[in-house]
Amino acid sequence: MTLEKWFQKGLTSEQYMKTLAKHKDGFHHIYNNFTIPNDEQFLENLKEKQVRAVILAEPWCGHCMLDIPILLRIAEKTTMPVRFLLRDENLKLMDQYLTNGKSRTIPIMIFIDENGQEIAKWGPIADHVKQFVDQHKKDLPEKDATDYEEKFKALIKITGKEFRENEDIWKGVYESIKEELQTI
């Protein structure tokens, strides 16, 4: 299936937001509180290119909670149409965008032109966010350890709180997405 057909199949932003449960409050908090920096030239250039986005995501994903509201703010400023595909229901597309050739990590943002051709891809994680998560992950025991589940839940609690509240993380995600979009 072409990216154009995937785009046509996708959920609108409103439809995707209706699927949110676990991360609904965090998603809306970021969406309502993130402000795009004064990047008028970048935003105008992006608007002129008539870019569209296909996003592989899941409502339970903490990185989706962080990244998608920021992209939606960019999309609003540039009138970029955005469609969402739930990863677990669209593995045929997801498997074309594996992280390191093996992992179905999300979100994956595929940017297409007016002809439905891929012109850029972002995801699943901004470098500075990966560094933050990796720093906290380094203390996790092996997955078969008796205290792994407890320690993993504590990690999720820490990272989730930072994702929801740390505006520097939000700005870093914005800059990472912007950097990729400036390549088109």
C-alpha atoms as a PDB file:
ATOM      1  CA  MET A   1       0.000   0.000   0.000  1.00  0.00           C
ATOM      2  CA  THR A   2       1.280   3.495  -0.787  1.00  0.00           C
ATOM      3  CA  LEU A   3       1.863   6.152   1.851  1.00  0.00           C
ATOM      4  CA  GLU A   4      -0.987   8.099   0.270  1.00  0.00           C
ATOM      5  CA  LYS A   5      -3.344   5.194   0.978  1.00  0.00           C
ATOM      6  CA  TRP A   6      -2.010   4.883   4.535  1.00  0.00           C
ATOM      7  CA  PHE A   7      -2.656   8.616   4.983  1.00  0.00           C
ATOM      8  CA  GLN A   8      -6.221   8.271   3.693  1.00  0.00           C
ATOM      9  CA  LYS A   9      -6.808   5.315   6.048  1.00  0.00           C
ATOM     10  CA  GLY A  10      -5.574   7.196   9.125  1.00  0.00           C
ATOM     11  CA  LEU A  11      -7.462   8.737  12.014  1.00  0.00           C
ATOM     12  CA  THR A  12      -7.770  12.501  12.301  1.00  0.00           C
ATOM     13  CA  SER A  13      -6.206  14.234  15.295  1.00  0.00           C
ATOM     14  CA  GLU A  14      -9.618  14.441  16.940  1.00  0.00           C
ATOM     15  CA  GLN A  15     -10.268  10.745  16.394  1.00  0.00           C
ATOM     16  CA  TYR A  16      -6.845   9.831  17.770  1.00  0.00           C
ATOM     17  CA  MET A  17      -7.341  11.999  20.862  1.00  0.00           C
ATOM     18  CA  LYS A  18     -10.599  10.143  21.569  1.00  0.00           C
ATOM     19  CA  THR A  19      -8.570   6.917  21.899  1.00  0.00           C
ATOM     20  CA  LEU A  20      -6.464   8.364  24.724  1.00  0.00           C
ATOM     21  CA  ALA A  21      -7.002   6.907  28.186  1.00  0.00           C
ATOM     22  CA  LYS A  22      -3.904   6.331  30.309  1.00  0.00           C
ATOM     23  CA  HIS A  23      -2.022   9.381  29.028  1.00  0.00           C
ATOM     24  CA  LYS A  24      -4.989  11.613  28.242  1.00  0.00           C
ATOM     25  CA  ASP A  25      -4.259  14.181  30.974  1.00  0.00           C
ATOM     26  CA  GLY A  26      -0.533  14.328  30.208  1.00  0.00           C
ATOM     27  CA  PHE A  27      -1.179  14.626  26.472  1.00  0.00           C
ATOM     28  CA  HIS A  28      -3.619  17.505  26.950  1.00  0.00           C
ATOM     29  CA  HIS A  29      -1.372  19.191  29.503  1.00  0.00           C
ATOM     30  CA  ILE A  30       1.506  19.278  27.017  1.00  0.00           C
ATOM     31  CA  TYR A  31      -0.799  20.268  24.164  1.00  0.00           C
ATOM     32  CA  ASN A  32      -2.342  23.120  26.174  1.00  0.00           C
ATOM     33  CA  ASN A  33       0.938  24.406  27.613  1.00  0.00           C
ATOM     34  CA  PHE A  34       3.502  24.010  24.854  1.00  0.00           C
ATOM     35  CA  THR A  35       4.147  27.187  22.888  1.00  0.00           C
ATOM     36  CA  ILE A  36       6.062  27.136  19.634  1.00  0.00           C
ATOM     37  CA  PRO A  37       9.045  29.480  19.694  1.00  0.00           C
ATOM     38  CA  ASN A  38       9.134  32.461  17.357  1.00  0.00           C
ATOM     39  CA  ASP A  39      10.175  30.487  14.253  1.00  0.00           C
ATOM     40  CA  GLU A  40       8.096  32.265  11.649  1.00  0.00           C
ATOM     41  CA  GLN A  41      10.530  31.659   8.760  1.00  0.00           C
ATOM     42  CA  PHE A  42      10.726  27.915   9.451  1.00  0.00           C
ATOM     43  CA  LEU A  43       6.947  27.638   9.852  1.00  0.00           C
ATOM     44  CA  GLU A  44       6.248  29.645   6.695  1.00  0.00           C
ATOM     45  CA  ASN A  45       8.705  27.540   4.676  1.00  0.00           C
ATOM     46  CA  LEU A  46       7.074  24.366   5.953  1.00  0.00           C
ATOM     47  CA  LYS A  47       3.600  25.681   5.160  1.00  0.00           C
ATOM     48  CA  GLU A  48       4.630  26.491   1.583  1.00  0.00           C
ATOM     49  CA  LYS A  49       5.817  22.901   1.054  1.00  0.00           C
ATOM     50  CA  GLN A  50       2.344  21.520   1.814  1.00  0.00           C
ATOM     51  CA  VAL A  51       3.710  18.711   3.942  1.00  0.00           C
ATOM     52  CA  ARG A  52       1.414  16.076   5.414  1.00  0.00           C
ATOM     53  CA  ALA A  53       2.137  13.607   8.209  1.00  0.00           C
ATOM     54  CA  VAL A  54       1.322   9.961   8.832  1.00  0.00           C
ATOM     55  CA  ILE A  55       2.008   9.039  12.460  1.00  0.00           C
ATOM     56  CA  LEU A  56       2.323   5.538  13.832  1.00  0.00           C
ATOM     57  CA  ALA A  57       1.317   5.733  17.486  1.00  0.00           C
ATOM     58  CA  GLU A  58      -0.596   4.109  20.337  1.00  0.00           C
ATOM     59  CA  PRO A  59      -2.594   5.850  23.077  1.00  0.00           C
ATOM     60  CA  TRP A  60      -0.742   3.911  25.829  1.00  0.00           C
ATOM     61  CA  CYS A  61       2.701   5.126  24.680  1.00  0.00           C
ATOM     62  CA  GLY A  62       4.459   7.670  26.930  1.00  0.00           C
ATOM     63  CA  HIS A  63       6.664   8.939  24.103  1.00  0.00           C
ATOM     64  CA  CYS A  64       3.533   9.511  21.988  1.00  0.00           C
ATOM     65  CA  MET A  65       2.069  11.509  24.895  1.00  0.00           C
ATOM     66  CA  LEU A  66       5.172  13.715  24.785  1.00  0.00           C
ATOM     67  CA  ASP A  67       5.873  14.053  21.067  1.00  0.00           C
ATOM     68  CA  ILE A  68       2.485  14.177  19.372  1.00  0.00           C
ATOM     69  CA  PRO A  69       1.101  17.312  21.085  1.00  0.00           C
ATOM     70  CA  ILE A  70       4.244  19.160  19.991  1.00  0.00           C
ATOM     71  CA  LEU A  71       3.849  18.007  16.394  1.00  0.00           C
ATOM     72  CA  LEU A  72       0.172  18.979  16.491  1.00  0.00           C
ATOM     73  CA  ARG A  73       1.158  22.534  17.450  1.00  0.00           C
ATOM     74  CA  ILE A  74       3.526  22.626  14.455  1.00  0.00           C
ATOM     75  CA  ALA A  75       0.748  21.232  12.262  1.00  0.00           C
ATOM     76  CA  GLU A  76      -1.672  23.938  13.402  1.00  0.00           C
ATOM     77  CA  LYS A  77       0.795  26.718  12.604  1.00  0.00           C
ATOM     78  CA  THR A  78       1.498  25.308   9.145  1.00  0.00           C
ATOM     79  CA  THR A  79      -1.948  23.865   8.261  1.00  0.00           C
ATOM     80  CA  MET A  80      -0.264  20.449   7.972  1.00  0.00           C
ATOM     81  CA  PRO A  81      -2.799  17.634   7.636  1.00  0.00           C
ATOM     82  CA  VAL A  82      -2.005  14.828  10.090  1.00  0.00           C
ATOM     83  CA  ARG A  83      -3.325  11.276  10.191  1.00  0.00           C
ATOM     84  CA  PHE A  84      -2.723   8.601  12.806  1.00  0.00           C
ATOM     85  CA  LEU A  85      -2.388   4.873  12.427  1.00  0.00           C
ATOM     86  CA  LEU A  86      -2.449   2.705  15.513  1.00  0.00           C
ATOM     87  CA  ARG A  87       0.784   0.729  15.418  1.00  0.00           C
ATOM     88  CA  ASP A  88      -0.651  -2.575  16.569  1.00  0.00           C
ATOM     89  CA  GLU A  89      -3.343  -2.494  13.871  1.00  0.00           C
ATOM     90  CA  ASN A  90      -0.929  -1.464  11.105  1.00  0.00           C
ATOM     91  CA  LEU A  91       2.118  -3.684  11.498  1.00  0.00           C
ATOM     92  CA  LYS A  92       2.638  -3.901   7.742  1.00  0.00           C
ATOM     93  CA  LEU A  93       3.552  -0.195   7.703  1.00  0.00           C
ATOM     94  CA  MET A  94       5.236  -0.268  11.116  1.00  0.00           C
ATOM     95  CA  ASP A  95       7.580  -3.030   9.995  1.00  0.00           C
ATOM     96  CA  GLN A  96       8.877  -0.719   7.253  1.00  0.00           C
ATOM     97  CA  TYR A  97      10.012   1.753   9.961  1.00  0.00           C
ATOM     98  CA  LEU A  98      11.622  -0.462  12.584  1.00  0.00           C
ATOM     99  CA  THR A  99      14.093   1.179  14.952  1.00  0.00           C
ATOM    100  CA  ASN A 100      17.538  -0.364  14.473  1.00  0.00           C
ATOM    101  CA  GLY A 101      15.917  -2.807  12.047  1.00  0.00           C
ATOM    102  CA  LYS A 102      14.177  -4.746  14.816  1.00  0.00           C
ATOM    103  CA  SER A 103      12.098  -2.663  17.238  1.00  0.00           C
ATOM    104  CA  ARG A 104       8.544  -1.381  16.767  1.00  0.00           C
ATOM    105  CA  THR A 105       9.233   1.704  18.869  1.00  0.00           C
ATOM    106  CA  ILE A 106       6.832   4.625  18.416  1.00  0.00           C
ATOM    107  CA  PRO A 107       5.927   7.292  17.550  1.00  0.00           C
ATOM    108  CA  ILE A 108       7.115   7.299  13.969  1.00  0.00           C
ATOM    109  CA  MET A 109       6.255  10.443  12.020  1.00  0.00           C
ATOM    110  CA  ILE A 110       6.375  10.011   8.247  1.00  0.00           C
ATOM    111  CA  PHE A 111       6.193  13.271   6.327  1.00  0.00           C
ATOM    112  CA  ILE A 112       4.876  13.135   2.772  1.00  0.00           C
ATOM    113  CA  ASP A 113       4.489  15.579  -0.072  1.00  0.00           C
ATOM    114  CA  GLU A 114       1.362  16.367  -2.084  1.00  0.00           C
ATOM    115  CA  ASN A 115       2.032  13.250  -4.221  1.00  0.00           C
ATOM    116  CA  GLY A 116       2.202  10.968  -1.194  1.00  0.00           C
ATOM    117  CA  GLN A 117       5.975  10.490  -1.403  1.00  0.00           C
ATOM    118  CA  GLU A 118       8.044  10.290   1.773  1.00  0.00           C
ATOM    119  CA  ILE A 119      10.182  13.393   2.196  1.00  0.00           C
ATOM    120  CA  ALA A 120      11.249  13.025   5.837  1.00  0.00           C
ATOM    121  CA  LYS A 121      10.863  10.753   8.871  1.00  0.00           C
ATOM    122  CA  TRP A 122      11.151  11.486  12.559  1.00  0.00           C
ATOM    123  CA  GLY A 123      11.060   9.210  15.547  1.00  0.00           C
ATOM    124  CA  PRO A 124      10.788   7.414  17.712  1.00  0.00           C
ATOM    125  CA  ILE A 125      12.637   9.619  20.193  1.00  0.00           C
ATOM    126  CA  ALA A 126      14.582  12.876  20.341  1.00  0.00           C
ATOM    127  CA  ASP A 127      18.265  12.389  21.169  1.00  0.00           C
ATOM    128  CA  HIS A 128      18.142  14.389  24.411  1.00  0.00           C
ATOM    129  CA  VAL A 129      15.081  12.434  25.590  1.00  0.00           C
ATOM    130  CA  LYS A 130      16.858   9.169  24.798  1.00  0.00           C
ATOM    131  CA  GLN A 131      19.850  10.313  26.843  1.00  0.00           C
ATOM    132  CA  PHE A 132      17.548  11.224  29.749  1.00  0.00           C
ATOM    133  CA  VAL A 133      15.764   7.856  29.621  1.00  0.00           C
ATOM    134  CA  ASP A 134      19.011   5.911  29.165  1.00  0.00           C
ATOM    135  CA  GLN A 135      20.529   7.610  32.206  1.00  0.00           C
ATOM    136  CA  HIS A 136      17.613   6.447  34.344  1.00  0.00           C
ATOM    137  CA  LYS A 137      17.459   3.037  32.655  1.00  0.00           C
ATOM    138  CA  LYS A 138      21.084   2.177  33.433  1.00  0.00           C
ATOM    139  CA  ASP A 139      20.156   1.210  36.992  1.00  0.00           C
ATOM    140  CA  LEU A 140      17.456  -1.268  35.952  1.00  0.00           C
ATOM    141  CA  PRO A 141      18.191  -4.877  36.851  1.00  0.00           C
ATOM    142  CA  GLU A 142      17.983  -7.635  34.233  1.00  0.00           C
ATOM    143  CA  LYS A 143      14.433  -8.416  33.070  1.00  0.00           C
ATOM    144  CA  ASP A 144      14.447 -11.769  34.865  1.00  0.00           C
ATOM    145  CA  ALA A 145      15.407 -10.207  38.231  1.00  0.00           C
ATOM    146  CA  THR A 146      12.779 -10.412  40.959  1.00  0.00           C
ATOM    147  CA  ASP A 147      12.717  -6.641  41.440  1.00  0.00           C
ATOM    148  CA  TYR A 148      12.712  -5.743  37.728  1.00  0.00           C
ATOM    149  CA  GLU A 149       8.971  -5.026  37.506  1.00  0.00           C
ATOM    150  CA  GLU A 150       9.056  -2.784  40.580  1.00  0.00           C
ATOM    151  CA  LYS A 151      12.105  -0.866  39.325  1.00  0.00           C
ATOM    152  CA  PHE A 152      10.653  -0.573  35.805  1.00  0.00           C
ATOM    153  CA  LYS A 153       7.404   0.913  37.171  1.00  0.00           C
ATOM    154  CA  ALA A 154       9.448   3.438  39.156  1.00  0.00           C
ATOM    155  CA  LEU A 155      11.339   4.372  35.972  1.00  0.00           C
ATOM    156  CA  ILE A 156       8.079   4.894  34.089  1.00  0.00           C
ATOM    157  CA  LYS A 157       6.781   7.093  36.903  1.00  0.00           C
ATOM    158  CA  ILE A 158       9.928   9.286  36.827  1.00  0.00           C
ATOM    159  CA  THR A 159      10.079   9.599  33.037  1.00  0.00           C
ATOM    160  CA  GLY A 160       6.339  10.148  32.713  1.00  0.00           C
ATOM    161  CA  LYS A 161       6.447  12.997  35.242  1.00  0.00           C
ATOM    162  CA  GLU A 162       9.347  14.639  33.393  1.00  0.00           C
ATOM    163  CA  PHE A 163       7.630  14.195  30.035  1.00  0.00           C
ATOM    164  CA  ARG A 164       4.473  15.863  31.385  1.00  0.00           C
ATOM    165  CA  GLU A 165       6.127  18.721  33.260  1.00  0.00           C
ATOM    166  CA  ASN A 166       9.610  19.497  31.954  1.00  0.00           C
ATOM    167  CA  GLU A 167       9.347  22.300  29.392  1.00  0.00           C
ATOM    168  CA  ASP A 168      13.015  21.871  28.454  1.00  0.00           C
ATOM    169  CA  ILE A 169      12.190  18.345  27.300  1.00  0.00           C
ATOM    170  CA  TRP A 170       9.286  19.740  25.253  1.00  0.00           C
ATOM    171  CA  LYS A 171      11.553  22.340  23.642  1.00  0.00           C
ATOM    172  CA  GLY A 172      14.120  19.666  22.832  1.00  0.00           C
ATOM    173  CA  VAL A 173      11.485  17.528  21.118  1.00  0.00           C
ATOM    174  CA  TYR A 174      10.354  20.564  19.122  1.00  0.00           C
ATOM    175  CA  GLU A 175      13.931  21.313  18.050  1.00  0.00           C
ATOM    176  CA  SER A 176      14.487  17.682  17.044  1.00  0.00           C
ATOM    177  CA  ILE A 177      11.337  17.568  14.894  1.00  0.00           C
ATOM    178  CA  LYS A 178      12.167  20.992  13.444  1.00  0.00           C
ATOM    179  CA  GLU A 179      15.671  19.836  12.545  1.00  0.00           C
ATOM    180  CA  GLU A 180      14.251  16.920  10.556  1.00  0.00           C
ATOM    181  CA  LEU A 181      11.618  19.066   8.847  1.00  0.00           C
ATOM    182  CA  GLN A 182      14.247  21.587   7.781  1.00  0.00           C
ATOM    183  CA  THR A 183      15.817  18.880   5.608  1.00  0.00           C
ATOM    184  CA  ILE A 184      12.919  18.950   3.148  1.00  0.00           C
END
